[in-house]
């Protein structure tokens, strides 16, 4: 659902908080991707 405060993280996913704290490099940070990215039909409202 499109809205004026929608961020890239809201749309795609967030880095895992534990990895942000403990990772020594960007390569060690994992991302929790949004489930909609794997859907066979993608809907973006407004």
ModelCIF file with pLDDT and N, C-alpha, C, O atoms, coordinates in Angstrom:
data_MODEL
#
_entry.id   MODEL 
#
_entity.id                         1 
_entity.type                       polymer 
_entity.pdbx_number_of_molecules   1 
#
_entity_poly.entity_id                      1 
_entity_poly.type                           'polypeptide(L)' 
_entity_poly.nstd_linkage                   no 
_entity_poly.nstd_monomer                   no 
_entity_poly.pdbx_seq_one_letter_code       
;(UNK)(UNK)(UNK)(UNK)(UNK)(UNK)(UNK)(UNK)(UNK)(UNK)(UNK)(UNK)(UNK)(UNK)(UNK)(UNK)
(UNK)(UNK)(UNK)(UNK)(UNK)(UNK)(UNK)(UNK)(UNK)(UNK)(UNK)(UNK)(UNK)(UNK)(UNK)(UNK)
(UNK)(UNK)(UNK)(UNK)(UNK)(UNK)(UNK)(UNK)(UNK)(UNK)(UNK)(UNK)(UNK)(UNK)
;
_entity_poly.pdbx_seq_one_letter_code_can   XXXXXXXXXXXXXXXXXXXXXXXXXXXXXXXXXXXXXXXXXXXXXX 
_entity_poly.pdbx_strand_id                 A 
#
loop_
_entity_poly_seq.entity_id 
_entity_poly_seq.num 
_entity_poly_seq.mon_id 
_entity_poly_seq.hetero 
1 1  UNK n 
1 2  UNK n 
1 3  UNK n 
1 4  UNK n 
1 5  UNK n 
1 6  UNK n 
1 7  UNK n 
1 8  UNK n 
1 9  UNK n 
1 10 UNK n 
1 11 UNK n 
1 12 UNK n 
1 13 UNK n 
1 14 UNK n 
1 15 UNK n 
1 16 UNK n 
1 17 UNK n 
1 18 UNK n 
1 19 UNK n 
1 20 UNK n 
1 21 UNK n 
1 22 UNK n 
1 23 UNK n 
1 24 UNK n 
1 25 UNK n 
1 26 UNK n 
1 27 UNK n 
1 28 UNK n 
1 29 UNK n 
1 30 UNK n 
1 31 UNK n 
1 32 UNK n 
1 33 UNK n 
1 34 UNK n 
1 35 UNK n 
1 36 UNK n 
1 37 UNK n 
1 38 UNK n 
1 39 UNK n 
1 40 UNK n 
1 41 UNK n 
1 42 UNK n 
1 43 UNK n 
1 44 UNK n 
1 45 UNK n 
1 46 UNK n 
#
_struct_asym.id          A 
_struct_asym.entity_id   1 
#
loop_
_ma_qa_metric.id 
_ma_qa_metric.mode 
_ma_qa_metric.name 
_ma_qa_metric.software_group_id 
_ma_qa_metric.type 
1 global pLDDT . pLDDT 
2 local  pLDDT . pLDDT 
#
_ma_qa_metric_global.metric_id      1 
_ma_qa_metric_global.metric_value   88.72 
_ma_qa_metric_global.model_id       1 
_ma_qa_metric_global.ordinal_id     1 
#
loop_
_ma_qa_metric_local.label_asym_id 
_ma_qa_metric_local.label_comp_id 
_ma_qa_metric_local.label_seq_id 
_ma_qa_metric_local.metric_id 
_ma_qa_metric_local.metric_value 
_ma_qa_metric_local.model_id 
_ma_qa_metric_local.ordinal_id 
A UNK 1  2 95.00 1 1  
A UNK 2  2 93.00 1 2  
A UNK 3  2 92.00 1 3  
A UNK 4  2 93.00 1 4  
A UNK 5  2 93.00 1 5  
A UNK 6  2 94.00 1 6  
A UNK 7  2 94.00 1 7  
A UNK 8  2 94.00 1 8  
A UNK 9  2 92.00 1 9  
A UNK 10 2 94.00 1 10 
A UNK 11 2 95.00 1 11 
A UNK 12 2 95.00 1 12 
A UNK 13 2 92.00 1 13 
A UNK 14 2 88.00 1 14 
A UNK 15 2 86.00 1 15 
A UNK 16 2 86.00 1 16 
A UNK 17 2 82.00 1 17 
A UNK 18 2 84.00 1 18 
A UNK 19 2 76.00 1 19 
A UNK 20 2 76.00 1 20 
A UNK 21 2 78.00 1 21 
A UNK 22 2 79.00 1 22 
A UNK 23 2 75.00 1 23 
A UNK 24 2 76.00 1 24 
A UNK 25 2 74.00 1 25 
A UNK 26 2 76.00 1 26 
A UNK 27 2 77.00 1 27 
A UNK 28 2 77.00 1 28 
A UNK 29 2 84.00 1 29 
A UNK 30 2 86.00 1 30 
A UNK 31 2 86.00 1 31 
A UNK 32 2 90.00 1 32 
A UNK 33 2 93.00 1 33 
A UNK 34 2 94.00 1 34 
A UNK 35 2 94.00 1 35 
A UNK 36 2 95.00 1 36 
A UNK 37 2 95.00 1 37 
A UNK 38 2 94.00 1 38 
A UNK 39 2 95.00 1 39 
A UNK 40 2 95.00 1 40 
A UNK 41 2 96.00 1 41 
A UNK 42 2 97.00 1 42 
A UNK 43 2 97.00 1 43 
A UNK 44 2 96.00 1 44 
A UNK 45 2 95.00 1 45 
A UNK 46 2 93.00 1 46 
#
loop_
_atom_site.group_PDB 
_atom_site.id 
_atom_site.type_symbol 
_atom_site.label_atom_id 
_atom_site.label_alt_id 
_atom_site.label_comp_id 
_atom_site.label_asym_id 
_atom_site.label_entity_id 
_atom_site.label_seq_id 
_atom_site.pdbx_PDB_ins_code 
_atom_site.Cartn_x 
_atom_site.Cartn_y 
_atom_site.Cartn_z 
_atom_site.occupancy 
_atom_site.B_iso_or_equiv 
_atom_site.pdbx_formal_charge 
_atom_site.auth_seq_id 
_atom_site.auth_comp_id 
_atom_site.auth_asym_id 
_atom_site.auth_atom_id 
_atom_site.pdbx_PDB_model_num 
ATOM 1   N N  . UNK A 1 1  ? 0.840  -1.189  0.000   1.00 95.00 ? 1  UNK A N  1 
ATOM 2   C CA . UNK A 1 1  ? 0.000  0.000   0.000   1.00 95.00 ? 1  UNK A CA 1 
ATOM 3   C C  . UNK A 1 1  ? 0.881  1.248   0.000   1.00 95.00 ? 1  UNK A C  1 
ATOM 4   O O  . UNK A 1 1  ? 1.604  1.514   0.961   1.00 95.00 ? 1  UNK A O  1 
ATOM 5   N N  . UNK A 1 2  ? 0.810  1.993   -1.076  1.00 93.00 ? 2  UNK A N  1 
ATOM 6   C CA . UNK A 1 2  ? 1.625  3.200   -1.170  1.00 93.00 ? 2  UNK A CA 1 
ATOM 7   C C  . UNK A 1 2  ? 1.174  4.269   -0.189  1.00 93.00 ? 2  UNK A C  1 
ATOM 8   O O  . UNK A 1 2  ? -0.022 4.516   -0.037  1.00 93.00 ? 2  UNK A O  1 
ATOM 9   N N  . UNK A 1 3  ? 2.137  4.905   0.480   1.00 92.00 ? 3  UNK A N  1 
ATOM 10  C CA . UNK A 1 3  ? 1.824  6.027   1.373   1.00 92.00 ? 3  UNK A CA 1 
ATOM 11  C C  . UNK A 1 3  ? 3.044  6.942   1.445   1.00 92.00 ? 3  UNK A C  1 
ATOM 12  O O  . UNK A 1 3  ? 4.155  6.507   1.142   1.00 92.00 ? 3  UNK A O  1 
ATOM 13  N N  . UNK A 1 4  ? 2.858  8.200   1.839   1.00 93.00 ? 4  UNK A N  1 
ATOM 14  C CA . UNK A 1 4  ? 3.950  9.178   1.769   1.00 93.00 ? 4  UNK A CA 1 
ATOM 15  C C  . UNK A 1 4  ? 5.151  8.861   2.644   1.00 93.00 ? 4  UNK A C  1 
ATOM 16  O O  . UNK A 1 4  ? 6.236  9.385   2.390   1.00 93.00 ? 4  UNK A O  1 
ATOM 17  N N  . UNK A 1 5  ? 5.001  8.020   3.671   1.00 93.00 ? 5  UNK A N  1 
ATOM 18  C CA . UNK A 1 5  ? 6.132  7.711   4.556   1.00 93.00 ? 5  UNK A CA 1 
ATOM 19  C C  . UNK A 1 5  ? 6.805  6.387   4.197   1.00 93.00 ? 5  UNK A C  1 
ATOM 20  O O  . UNK A 1 5  ? 7.660  5.918   4.948   1.00 93.00 ? 5  UNK A O  1 
ATOM 21  N N  . UNK A 1 6  ? 6.451  5.787   3.098   1.00 94.00 ? 6  UNK A N  1 
ATOM 22  C CA . UNK A 1 6  ? 6.987  4.467   2.737   1.00 94.00 ? 6  UNK A CA 1 
ATOM 23  C C  . UNK A 1 6  ? 8.478  4.562   2.424   1.00 94.00 ? 6  UNK A C  1 
ATOM 24  O O  . UNK A 1 6  ? 8.890  5.342   1.565   1.00 94.00 ? 6  UNK A O  1 
ATOM 25  N N  . UNK A 1 7  ? 9.281  3.764   3.125   1.00 94.00 ? 7  UNK A N  1 
ATOM 26  C CA . UNK A 1 7  ? 10.730 3.757   2.916   1.00 94.00 ? 7  UNK A CA 1 
ATOM 27  C C  . UNK A 1 7  ? 11.128 2.554   2.073   1.00 94.00 ? 7  UNK A C  1 
ATOM 28  O O  . UNK A 1 7  ? 10.318 1.666   1.808   1.00 94.00 ? 7  UNK A O  1 
ATOM 29  N N  . UNK A 1 8  ? 12.380 2.542   1.660   1.00 94.00 ? 8  UNK A N  1 
ATOM 30  C CA . UNK A 1 8  ? 12.904 1.394   0.910   1.00 94.00 ? 8  UNK A CA 1 
ATOM 31  C C  . UNK A 1 8  ? 12.842 0.138   1.768   1.00 94.00 ? 8  UNK A C  1 
ATOM 32  O O  . UNK A 1 8  ? 12.542 -0.942  1.260   1.00 94.00 ? 8  UNK A O  1 
ATOM 33  N N  . UNK A 1 9  ? 13.120 0.266   3.052   1.00 92.00 ? 9  UNK A N  1 
ATOM 34  C CA . UNK A 1 9  ? 13.043 -0.884  3.961   1.00 92.00 ? 9  UNK A CA 1 
ATOM 35  C C  . UNK A 1 9  ? 11.613 -1.397  4.096   1.00 92.00 ? 9  UNK A C  1 
ATOM 36  O O  . UNK A 1 9  ? 11.386 -2.606  4.151   1.00 92.00 ? 9  UNK A O  1 
ATOM 37  N N  . UNK A 1 10 ? 10.641 -0.470  4.149   1.00 94.00 ? 10 UNK A N  1 
ATOM 38  C CA . UNK A 1 10 ? 9.239  -0.887  4.194   1.00 94.00 ? 10 UNK A CA 1 
ATOM 39  C C  . UNK A 1 10 ? 8.888  -1.718  2.965   1.00 94.00 ? 10 UNK A C  1 
ATOM 40  O O  . UNK A 1 10 ? 8.123  -2.679  3.052   1.00 94.00 ? 10 UNK A O  1 
ATOM 41  N N  . UNK A 1 11 ? 9.450  -1.342  1.828   1.00 95.00 ? 11 UNK A N  1 
ATOM 42  C CA . UNK A 1 11 ? 9.122  -1.998  0.565   1.00 95.00 ? 11 UNK A CA 1 
ATOM 43  C C  . UNK A 1 11 ? 9.871  -3.317  0.386   1.00 95.00 ? 11 UNK A C  1 
ATOM 44  O O  . UNK A 1 11 ? 9.286  -4.315  -0.033  1.00 95.00 ? 11 UNK A O  1 
ATOM 45  N N  . UNK A 1 12 ? 11.159 -3.317  0.702   1.00 95.00 ? 12 UNK A N  1 
ATOM 46  C CA . UNK A 1 12 ? 11.999 -4.463  0.354   1.00 95.00 ? 12 UNK A CA 1 
ATOM 47  C C  . UNK A 1 12 ? 12.380 -5.345  1.533   1.00 95.00 ? 12 UNK A C  1 
ATOM 48  O O  . UNK A 1 12 ? 12.364 -6.570  1.408   1.00 95.00 ? 12 UNK A O  1 
ATOM 49  N N  . UNK A 1 13 ? 12.721 -4.760  2.665   1.00 92.00 ? 13 UNK A N  1 
ATOM 50  C CA . UNK A 1 13 ? 13.145 -5.563  3.809   1.00 92.00 ? 13 UNK A CA 1 
ATOM 51  C C  . UNK A 1 13 ? 14.148 -4.823  4.666   1.00 92.00 ? 13 UNK A C  1 
ATOM 52  O O  . UNK A 1 13 ? 14.652 -3.766  4.285   1.00 92.00 ? 13 UNK A O  1 
ATOM 53  N N  . UNK A 1 14 ? 14.437 -5.395  5.842   1.00 88.00 ? 14 UNK A N  1 
ATOM 54  C CA . UNK A 1 14 ? 15.326 -4.763  6.818   1.00 88.00 ? 14 UNK A CA 1 
ATOM 55  C C  . UNK A 1 14 ? 16.527 -5.655  7.112   1.00 88.00 ? 14 UNK A C  1 
ATOM 56  O O  . UNK A 1 14 ? 16.408 -6.880  7.106   1.00 88.00 ? 14 UNK A O  1 
ATOM 57  N N  . UNK A 1 15 ? 17.673 -5.049  7.367   1.00 86.00 ? 15 UNK A N  1 
ATOM 58  C CA . UNK A 1 15 ? 18.798 -5.849  7.875   1.00 86.00 ? 15 UNK A CA 1 
ATOM 59  C C  . UNK A 1 15 ? 18.463 -6.379  9.271   1.00 86.00 ? 15 UNK A C  1 
ATOM 60  O O  . UNK A 1 15 ? 17.790 -5.699  10.046  1.00 86.00 ? 15 UNK A O  1 
ATOM 61  N N  . UNK A 1 16 ? 18.921 -7.572  9.591   1.00 86.00 ? 16 UNK A N  1 
ATOM 62  C CA . UNK A 1 16 ? 18.635 -8.158  10.891  1.00 86.00 ? 16 UNK A CA 1 
ATOM 63  C C  . UNK A 1 16 ? 19.330 -7.365  11.999  1.00 86.00 ? 16 UNK A C  1 
ATOM 64  O O  . UNK A 1 16 ? 20.530 -7.110  11.897  1.00 86.00 ? 16 UNK A O  1 
ATOM 65  N N  . UNK A 1 17 ? 18.608 -6.967  13.061  1.00 82.00 ? 17 UNK A N  1 
ATOM 66  C CA . UNK A 1 17 ? 19.199 -6.128  14.111  1.00 82.00 ? 17 UNK A CA 1 
ATOM 67  C C  . UNK A 1 17 ? 20.432 -6.744  14.761  1.00 82.00 ? 17 UNK A C  1 
ATOM 68  O O  . UNK A 1 17 ? 21.402 -6.039  15.039  1.00 82.00 ? 17 UNK A O  1 
ATOM 69  N N  . UNK A 1 18 ? 20.404 -8.047  15.006  1.00 84.00 ? 18 UNK A N  1 
ATOM 70  C CA . UNK A 1 18 ? 21.566 -8.687  15.644  1.00 84.00 ? 18 UNK A CA 1 
ATOM 71  C C  . UNK A 1 18 ? 22.801 -8.575  14.760  1.00 84.00 ? 18 UNK A C  1 
ATOM 72  O O  . UNK A 1 18 ? 23.911 -8.377  15.255  1.00 84.00 ? 18 UNK A O  1 
ATOM 73  N N  . UNK A 1 19 ? 22.605 -8.704  13.451  1.00 76.00 ? 19 UNK A N  1 
ATOM 74  C CA . UNK A 1 19 ? 23.743 -8.605  12.537  1.00 76.00 ? 19 UNK A CA 1 
ATOM 75  C C  . UNK A 1 19 ? 24.288 -7.182  12.496  1.00 76.00 ? 19 UNK A C  1 
ATOM 76  O O  . UNK A 1 19 ? 25.494 -6.976  12.359  1.00 76.00 ? 19 UNK A O  1 
ATOM 77  N N  . UNK A 1 20 ? 23.402 -6.210  12.615  1.00 76.00 ? 20 UNK A N  1 
ATOM 78  C CA . UNK A 1 20 ? 23.858 -4.819  12.608  1.00 76.00 ? 20 UNK A CA 1 
ATOM 79  C C  . UNK A 1 20 ? 24.763 -4.539  13.811  1.00 76.00 ? 20 UNK A C  1 
ATOM 80  O O  . UNK A 1 20 ? 25.695 -3.739  13.732  1.00 76.00 ? 20 UNK A O  1 
ATOM 81  N N  . UNK A 1 21 ? 24.470 -5.209  14.914  1.00 78.00 ? 21 UNK A N  1 
ATOM 82  C CA . UNK A 1 21 ? 25.269 -4.988  16.137  1.00 78.00 ? 21 UNK A CA 1 
ATOM 83  C C  . UNK A 1 21 ? 26.573 -5.770  16.111  1.00 78.00 ? 21 UNK A C  1 
ATOM 84  O O  . UNK A 1 21 ? 27.623 -5.258  16.500  1.00 78.00 ? 21 UNK A O  1 
ATOM 85  N N  . UNK A 1 22 ? 26.500 -7.015  15.649  1.00 79.00 ? 22 UNK A N  1 
ATOM 86  C CA . UNK A 1 22 ? 27.654 -7.914  15.787  1.00 79.00 ? 22 UNK A CA 1 
ATOM 87  C C  . UNK A 1 22 ? 28.515 -8.034  14.537  1.00 79.00 ? 22 UNK A C  1 
ATOM 88  O O  . UNK A 1 22 ? 29.655 -8.491  14.622  1.00 79.00 ? 22 UNK A O  1 
ATOM 89  N N  . UNK A 1 23 ? 28.001 -7.639  13.391  1.00 75.00 ? 23 UNK A N  1 
ATOM 90  C CA . UNK A 1 23 ? 28.753 -7.849  12.152  1.00 75.00 ? 23 UNK A CA 1 
ATOM 91  C C  . UNK A 1 23 ? 29.992 -6.969  12.111  1.00 75.00 ? 23 UNK A C  1 
ATOM 92  O O  . UNK A 1 23 ? 29.964 -5.814  12.538  1.00 75.00 ? 23 UNK A O  1 
ATOM 93  N N  . UNK A 1 24 ? 31.079 -7.529  11.591  1.00 76.00 ? 24 UNK A N  1 
ATOM 94  C CA . UNK A 1 24 ? 32.323 -6.769  11.442  1.00 76.00 ? 24 UNK A CA 1 
ATOM 95  C C  . UNK A 1 24 ? 32.468 -6.172  10.040  1.00 76.00 ? 24 UNK A C  1 
ATOM 96  O O  . UNK A 1 24 ? 33.356 -5.353  9.803   1.00 76.00 ? 24 UNK A O  1 
ATOM 97  N N  . UNK A 1 25 ? 31.587 -6.586  9.099   1.00 74.00 ? 25 UNK A N  1 
ATOM 98  C CA . UNK A 1 25 ? 31.603 -6.035  7.744   1.00 74.00 ? 25 UNK A CA 1 
ATOM 99  C C  . UNK A 1 25 ? 30.197 -6.125  7.162   1.00 74.00 ? 25 UNK A C  1 
ATOM 100 O O  . UNK A 1 25 ? 29.346 -6.845  7.685   1.00 74.00 ? 25 UNK A O  1 
ATOM 101 N N  . UNK A 1 26 ? 29.959 -5.398  6.090   1.00 76.00 ? 26 UNK A N  1 
ATOM 102 C CA . UNK A 1 26 ? 28.649 -5.412  5.446   1.00 76.00 ? 26 UNK A CA 1 
ATOM 103 C C  . UNK A 1 26 ? 28.284 -6.801  4.943   1.00 76.00 ? 26 UNK A C  1 
ATOM 104 O O  . UNK A 1 26 ? 27.110 -7.171  4.916   1.00 76.00 ? 26 UNK A O  1 
ATOM 105 N N  . UNK A 1 27 ? 29.302 -7.573  4.541   1.00 77.00 ? 27 UNK A N  1 
ATOM 106 C CA . UNK A 1 27 ? 29.046 -8.908  4.003   1.00 77.00 ? 27 UNK A CA 1 
ATOM 107 C C  . UNK A 1 27 ? 28.393 -9.833  5.034   1.00 77.00 ? 27 UNK A C  1 
ATOM 108 O O  . UNK A 1 27 ? 27.711 -10.789 4.664   1.00 77.00 ? 27 UNK A O  1 
ATOM 109 N N  . UNK A 1 28 ? 28.596 -9.554  6.313   1.00 77.00 ? 28 UNK A N  1 
ATOM 110 C CA . UNK A 1 28 ? 28.053 -10.421 7.358   1.00 77.00 ? 28 UNK A CA 1 
ATOM 111 C C  . UNK A 1 28 ? 26.623 -10.048 7.759   1.00 77.00 ? 28 UNK A C  1 
ATOM 112 O O  . UNK A 1 28 ? 25.997 -10.744 8.557   1.00 77.00 ? 28 UNK A O  1 
ATOM 113 N N  . UNK A 1 29 ? 26.113 -8.951  7.204   1.00 84.00 ? 29 UNK A N  1 
ATOM 114 C CA . UNK A 1 29 ? 24.758 -8.506  7.557   1.00 84.00 ? 29 UNK A CA 1 
ATOM 115 C C  . UNK A 1 29 ? 23.742 -9.189  6.650   1.00 84.00 ? 29 UNK A C  1 
ATOM 116 O O  . UNK A 1 29 ? 23.792 -9.063  5.427   1.00 84.00 ? 29 UNK A O  1 
ATOM 117 N N  . UNK A 1 30 ? 22.831 -9.906  7.270   1.00 86.00 ? 30 UNK A N  1 
ATOM 118 C CA . UNK A 1 30 ? 21.746 -10.543 6.527   1.00 86.00 ? 30 UNK A CA 1 
ATOM 119 C C  . UNK A 1 30 ? 20.519 -9.617  6.481   1.00 86.00 ? 30 UNK A C  1 
ATOM 120 O O  . UNK A 1 30 ? 20.349 -8.740  7.329   1.00 86.00 ? 30 UNK A O  1 
ATOM 121 N N  . UNK A 1 31 ? 19.674 -9.840  5.468   1.00 86.00 ? 31 UNK A N  1 
ATOM 122 C CA . UNK A 1 31 ? 18.483 -9.009  5.278   1.00 86.00 ? 31 UNK A CA 1 
ATOM 123 C C  . UNK A 1 31 ? 17.244 -9.886  5.367   1.00 86.00 ? 31 UNK A C  1 
ATOM 124 O O  . UNK A 1 31 ? 17.181 -10.956 4.762   1.00 86.00 ? 31 UNK A O  1 
ATOM 125 N N  . UNK A 1 32 ? 16.268 -9.422  6.122   1.00 90.00 ? 32 UNK A N  1 
ATOM 126 C CA . UNK A 1 32 ? 14.962 -10.095 6.184   1.00 90.00 ? 32 UNK A CA 1 
ATOM 127 C C  . UNK A 1 32 ? 14.099 -9.512  5.060   1.00 90.00 ? 32 UNK A C  1 
ATOM 128 O O  . UNK A 1 32 ? 13.505 -8.444  5.207   1.00 90.00 ? 32 UNK A O  1 
ATOM 129 N N  . UNK A 1 33 ? 14.041 -10.228 3.943   1.00 93.00 ? 33 UNK A N  1 
ATOM 130 C CA . UNK A 1 33 ? 13.326 -9.728  2.771   1.00 93.00 ? 33 UNK A CA 1 
ATOM 131 C C  . UNK A 1 33 ? 11.813 -9.835  2.958   1.00 93.00 ? 33 UNK A C  1 
ATOM 132 O O  . UNK A 1 33 ? 11.326 -10.746 3.628   1.00 93.00 ? 33 UNK A O  1 
ATOM 133 N N  . UNK A 1 34 ? 11.076 -8.899  2.362   1.00 94.00 ? 34 UNK A N  1 
ATOM 134 C CA . UNK A 1 34 ? 9.624  -8.921  2.438   1.00 94.00 ? 34 UNK A CA 1 
ATOM 135 C C  . UNK A 1 34 ? 9.073  -10.097 1.627   1.00 94.00 ? 34 UNK A C  1 
ATOM 136 O O  . UNK A 1 34 ? 9.526  -10.338 0.508   1.00 94.00 ? 34 UNK A O  1 
ATOM 137 N N  . UNK A 1 35 ? 8.105  -10.830 2.178   1.00 94.00 ? 35 UNK A N  1 
ATOM 138 C CA . UNK A 1 35 ? 7.577  -12.020 1.481   1.00 94.00 ? 35 UNK A CA 1 
ATOM 139 C C  . UNK A 1 35 ? 6.962  -11.714 0.120   1.00 94.00 ? 35 UNK A C  1 
ATOM 140 O O  . UNK A 1 35 ? 6.961  -12.580 -0.755  1.00 94.00 ? 35 UNK A O  1 
ATOM 141 N N  . UNK A 1 36 ? 6.434  -10.493 -0.083  1.00 95.00 ? 36 UNK A N  1 
ATOM 142 C CA . UNK A 1 36 ? 5.752  -10.190 -1.344  1.00 95.00 ? 36 UNK A CA 1 
ATOM 143 C C  . UNK A 1 36 ? 6.692  -10.271 -2.535  1.00 95.00 ? 36 UNK A C  1 
ATOM 144 O O  . UNK A 1 36 ? 6.235  -10.441 -3.666  1.00 95.00 ? 36 UNK A O  1 
ATOM 145 N N  . UNK A 1 37 ? 7.996  -10.152 -2.307  1.00 95.00 ? 37 UNK A N  1 
ATOM 146 C CA . UNK A 1 37 ? 8.953  -10.182 -3.411  1.00 95.00 ? 37 UNK A CA 1 
ATOM 147 C C  . UNK A 1 37 ? 8.951  -11.519 -4.136  1.00 95.00 ? 37 UNK A C  1 
ATOM 148 O O  . UNK A 1 37 ? 9.352  -11.589 -5.298  1.00 95.00 ? 37 UNK A O  1 
ATOM 149 N N  . UNK A 1 38 ? 8.506  -12.581 -3.471  1.00 94.00 ? 38 UNK A N  1 
ATOM 150 C CA . UNK A 1 38 ? 8.516  -13.911 -4.078  1.00 94.00 ? 38 UNK A CA 1 
ATOM 151 C C  . UNK A 1 38 ? 7.143  -14.331 -4.593  1.00 94.00 ? 38 UNK A C  1 
ATOM 152 O O  . UNK A 1 38 ? 6.964  -15.481 -4.995  1.00 94.00 ? 38 UNK A O  1 
ATOM 153 N N  . UNK A 1 39 ? 6.177  -13.424 -4.586  1.00 95.00 ? 39 UNK A N  1 
ATOM 154 C CA . UNK A 1 39 ? 4.831  -13.776 -5.039  1.00 95.00 ? 39 UNK A CA 1 
ATOM 155 C C  . UNK A 1 39 ? 4.756  -13.824 -6.565  1.00 95.00 ? 39 UNK A C  1 
ATOM 156 O O  . UNK A 1 39 ? 5.420  -13.031 -7.233  1.00 95.00 ? 39 UNK A O  1 
ATOM 157 N N  . UNK A 1 40 ? 3.953  -14.745 -7.137  1.00 95.00 ? 40 UNK A N  1 
ATOM 158 C CA . UNK A 1 40 ? 3.813  -14.821 -8.599  1.00 95.00 ? 40 UNK A CA 1 
ATOM 159 C C  . UNK A 1 40 ? 2.972  -13.684 -9.172  1.00 95.00 ? 40 UNK A C  1 
ATOM 160 O O  . UNK A 1 40 ? 3.045  -13.386 -10.364 1.00 95.00 ? 40 UNK A O  1 
ATOM 161 N N  . UNK A 1 41 ? 2.168  -13.048 -8.305  1.00 96.00 ? 41 UNK A N  1 
ATOM 162 C CA . UNK A 1 41 ? 1.407  -11.859 -8.692  1.00 96.00 ? 41 UNK A CA 1 
ATOM 163 C C  . UNK A 1 41 ? 1.722  -10.776 -7.676  1.00 96.00 ? 41 UNK A C  1 
ATOM 164 O O  . UNK A 1 41 ? 1.507  -10.965 -6.479  1.00 96.00 ? 41 UNK A O  1 
ATOM 165 N N  . UNK A 1 42 ? 2.226  -9.651  -8.137  1.00 97.00 ? 42 UNK A N  1 
ATOM 166 C CA . UNK A 1 42 ? 2.631  -8.560  -7.245  1.00 97.00 ? 42 UNK A CA 1 
ATOM 167 C C  . UNK A 1 42 ? 1.669  -7.387  -7.419  1.00 97.00 ? 42 UNK A C  1 
ATOM 168 O O  . UNK A 1 42 ? 1.392  -6.956  -8.539  1.00 97.00 ? 42 UNK A O  1 
ATOM 169 N N  . UNK A 1 43 ? 1.166  -6.880  -6.301  1.00 97.00 ? 43 UNK A N  1 
ATOM 170 C CA . UNK A 1 43 ? 0.167  -5.809  -6.315  1.00 97.00 ? 43 UNK A CA 1 
ATOM 171 C C  . UNK A 1 43 ? 0.709  -4.616  -5.535  1.00 97.00 ? 43 UNK A C  1 
ATOM 172 O O  . UNK A 1 43 ? 1.125  -4.756  -4.385  1.00 97.00 ? 43 UNK A O  1 
ATOM 173 N N  . UNK A 1 44 ? 0.703  -3.448  -6.160  1.00 96.00 ? 44 UNK A N  1 
ATOM 174 C CA . UNK A 1 44 ? 1.120  -2.203  -5.506  1.00 96.00 ? 44 UNK A CA 1 
ATOM 175 C C  . UNK A 1 44 ? -0.053 -1.237  -5.591  1.00 96.00 ? 44 UNK A C  1 
ATOM 176 O O  . UNK A 1 44 ? -0.374 -0.729  -6.665  1.00 96.00 ? 44 UNK A O  1 
ATOM 177 N N  . UNK A 1 45 ? -0.683 -0.990  -4.463  1.00 95.00 ? 45 UNK A N  1 
ATOM 178 C CA . UNK A 1 45 ? -1.876 -0.140  -4.404  1.00 95.00 ? 45 UNK A CA 1 
ATOM 179 C C  . UNK A 1 45 ? -1.455 1.320   -4.259  1.00 95.00 ? 45 UNK A C  1 
ATOM 180 O O  . UNK A 1 45 ? -0.604 1.652   -3.434  1.00 95.00 ? 45 UNK A O  1 
ATOM 181 N N  . UNK A 1 46 ? -2.064 2.191   -5.075  1.00 93.00 ? 46 UNK A N  1 
ATOM 182 C CA . UNK A 1 46 ? -1.776 3.632   -5.055  1.00 93.00 ? 46 UNK A CA 1 
ATOM 183 C C  . UNK A 1 46 ? -0.270 3.892   -5.152  1.00 93.00 ? 46 UNK A C  1 
ATOM 184 O O  . UNK A 1 46 ? 0.158  5.047   -5.150  1.00 93.00 ? 46 UNK A O  1 
#
